[in-house]
Amino acid sequence: MIGATATATEMQNNFGRYLNLVIGGQEVIVTKNGKEVGRFIPKSTAISYLTDSLTGILKGGDTADDLREARLREKYEIAD
């Protein structure tokens, strides 16, 4: 959940305030010159982003071991 938007200067000058928002589970969008440059997010959200990314990589029933083996076979040109 987005809790606030802050300029880079506001973030620097009021870090404790924004840190408390993140500790409370909220997300802070950081802008510079009116453009989003980053997000300050809770750890649980970051872990969920990583998990979602890995799930996309492993679609189709391939396991991490299968993917690693295929990569090594391709790298070292080993026939199946």
C-alpha atoms as a PDB file:
ATOM      1  CA  MET A   1       0.000   0.000   0.000  1.00  0.00           C
ATOM      2  CA  ILE A   2       1.398   3.390  -1.003  1.00  0.00           C
ATOM      3  CA  GLY A   3       1.702   5.579   2.071  1.00  0.00           C
ATOM      4  CA  ALA A   4       3.363   8.700   0.718  1.00  0.00           C
ATOM      5  CA  THR A   5       5.209  10.384  -2.084  1.00  0.00           C
ATOM      6  CA  ALA A   6       8.286  12.422  -1.177  1.00  0.00           C
ATOM      7  CA  THR A   7      10.873  14.390  -3.073  1.00  0.00           C
ATOM      8  CA  ALA A   8      14.472  13.305  -2.599  1.00  0.00           C
ATOM      9  CA  THR A   9      15.052  16.397  -0.455  1.00  0.00           C
ATOM     10  CA  GLU A  10      12.004  15.687   1.732  1.00  0.00           C
ATOM     11  CA  MET A  11      13.176  12.095   2.129  1.00  0.00           C
ATOM     12  CA  GLN A  12      16.630  13.250   3.179  1.00  0.00           C
ATOM     13  CA  ASN A  13      15.339  15.863   5.608  1.00  0.00           C
ATOM     14  CA  ASN A  14      12.590  13.688   7.149  1.00  0.00           C
ATOM     15  CA  PHE A  15      14.028  10.189   6.883  1.00  0.00           C
ATOM     16  CA  GLY A  16      12.694   9.088  10.282  1.00  0.00           C
ATOM     17  CA  ARG A  17       9.124   9.967   9.332  1.00  0.00           C
ATOM     18  CA  TYR A  18       9.302   7.946   6.096  1.00  0.00           C
ATOM     19  CA  LEU A  19      11.094   5.081   7.837  1.00  0.00           C
ATOM     20  CA  ASN A  20       8.201   4.842  10.299  1.00  0.00           C
ATOM     21  CA  LEU A  21       5.744   4.629   7.385  1.00  0.00           C
ATOM     22  CA  VAL A  22       7.711   1.735   5.916  1.00  0.00           C
ATOM     23  CA  ILE A  23       7.971   0.009   9.291  1.00  0.00           C
ATOM     24  CA  GLY A  24       4.180   0.302   9.426  1.00  0.00           C
ATOM     25  CA  GLY A  25       3.913  -1.600   6.128  1.00  0.00           C
ATOM     26  CA  GLN A  26       3.489   1.342   3.764  1.00  0.00           C
ATOM     27  CA  GLU A  27       5.419   2.175   0.616  1.00  0.00           C
ATOM     28  CA  VAL A  28       7.041   5.557  -0.057  1.00  0.00           C
ATOM     29  CA  ILE A  29       7.597   6.742  -3.625  1.00  0.00           C
ATOM     30  CA  VAL A  30      10.663   8.973  -4.001  1.00  0.00           C
ATOM     31  CA  THR A  31      10.724  11.603  -6.753  1.00  0.00           C
ATOM     32  CA  LYS A  32      13.337  13.943  -8.159  1.00  0.00           C
ATOM     33  CA  ASN A  33      12.429  16.761 -10.528  1.00  0.00           C
ATOM     34  CA  GLY A  34       8.865  15.423 -10.623  1.00  0.00           C
ATOM     35  CA  LYS A  35       9.839  11.928 -11.788  1.00  0.00           C
ATOM     36  CA  GLU A  36       9.757   8.719  -9.761  1.00  0.00           C
ATOM     37  CA  VAL A  37      13.295   7.565  -9.041  1.00  0.00           C
ATOM     38  CA  GLY A  38      12.719   4.885  -6.444  1.00  0.00           C
ATOM     39  CA  ARG A  39      10.543   3.284  -3.821  1.00  0.00           C
ATOM     40  CA  PHE A  40      11.160   2.691  -0.148  1.00  0.00           C
ATOM     41  CA  ILE A  41       9.320  -0.545   0.604  1.00  0.00           C
ATOM     42  CA  PRO A  42       8.859  -2.946   3.530  1.00  0.00           C
ATOM     43  CA  LYS A  43      11.069  -6.049   3.546  1.00  0.00           C
ATOM     44  CA  SER A  44       8.051  -8.347   3.157  1.00  0.00           C
ATOM     45  CA  THR A  45       7.087  -6.559  -0.066  1.00  0.00           C
ATOM     46  CA  ALA A  46      10.606  -6.904  -1.458  1.00  0.00           C
ATOM     47  CA  ILE A  47      10.586 -10.634  -0.728  1.00  0.00           C
ATOM     48  CA  SER A  48       7.210 -10.972  -2.443  1.00  0.00           C
ATOM     49  CA  TYR A  49       8.570  -9.193  -5.570  1.00  0.00           C
ATOM     50  CA  LEU A  50      11.493 -11.625  -5.691  1.00  0.00           C
ATOM     51  CA  THR A  51       9.238 -14.637  -5.229  1.00  0.00           C
ATOM     52  CA  ASP A  52       6.921 -13.458  -8.019  1.00  0.00           C
ATOM     53  CA  SER A  53       9.916 -12.968 -10.313  1.00  0.00           C
ATOM     54  CA  LEU A  54      11.258 -16.446  -9.644  1.00  0.00           C
ATOM     55  CA  THR A  55       7.818 -17.975 -10.135  1.00  0.00           C
ATOM     56  CA  GLY A  56       7.750 -16.479 -13.631  1.00  0.00           C
ATOM     57  CA  ILE A  57      11.168 -17.956 -14.413  1.00  0.00           C
ATOM     58  CA  LEU A  58      10.178 -21.432 -13.244  1.00  0.00           C
ATOM     59  CA  LYS A  59       6.834 -21.662 -15.113  1.00  0.00           C
ATOM     60  CA  GLY A  60       6.297 -24.780 -17.179  1.00  0.00           C
ATOM     61  CA  GLY A  61       7.274 -27.263 -14.485  1.00  0.00           C
ATOM     62  CA  ASP A  62      11.033 -26.805 -14.849  1.00  0.00           C
ATOM     63  CA  THR A  63      12.930 -26.908 -11.598  1.00  0.00           C
ATOM     64  CA  ALA A  64      15.932 -24.762 -10.779  1.00  0.00           C
ATOM     65  CA  ASP A  65      18.122 -27.857 -11.255  1.00  0.00           C
ATOM     66  CA  ASP A  66      16.625 -28.482 -14.710  1.00  0.00           C
ATOM     67  CA  LEU A  67      17.289 -24.903 -15.745  1.00  0.00           C
ATOM     68  CA  ARG A  68      20.854 -24.971 -14.381  1.00  0.00           C
ATOM     69  CA  GLU A  69      21.590 -28.243 -16.196  1.00  0.00           C
ATOM     70  CA  ALA A  70      20.210 -26.886 -19.466  1.00  0.00           C
ATOM     71  CA  ARG A  71      22.305 -23.720 -19.081  1.00  0.00           C
ATOM     72  CA  LEU A  72      25.463 -25.756 -18.449  1.00  0.00           C
ATOM     73  CA  ARG A  73      24.745 -28.044 -21.411  1.00  0.00           C
ATOM     74  CA  GLU A  74      24.310 -25.006 -23.641  1.00  0.00           C
ATOM     75  CA  LYS A  75      27.403 -23.283 -22.274  1.00  0.00           C
ATOM     76  CA  TYR A  76      29.634 -26.318 -22.748  1.00  0.00           C
ATOM     77  CA  GLU A  77      27.810 -27.582 -25.854  1.00  0.00           C
ATOM     78  CA  ILE A  78      26.959 -30.966 -24.352  1.00  0.00           C
ATOM     79  CA  ALA A  79      24.494 -33.006 -26.407  1.00  0.00           C
ATOM     80  CA  ASP A  80      21.405 -34.448 -24.667  1.00  0.00           C
END
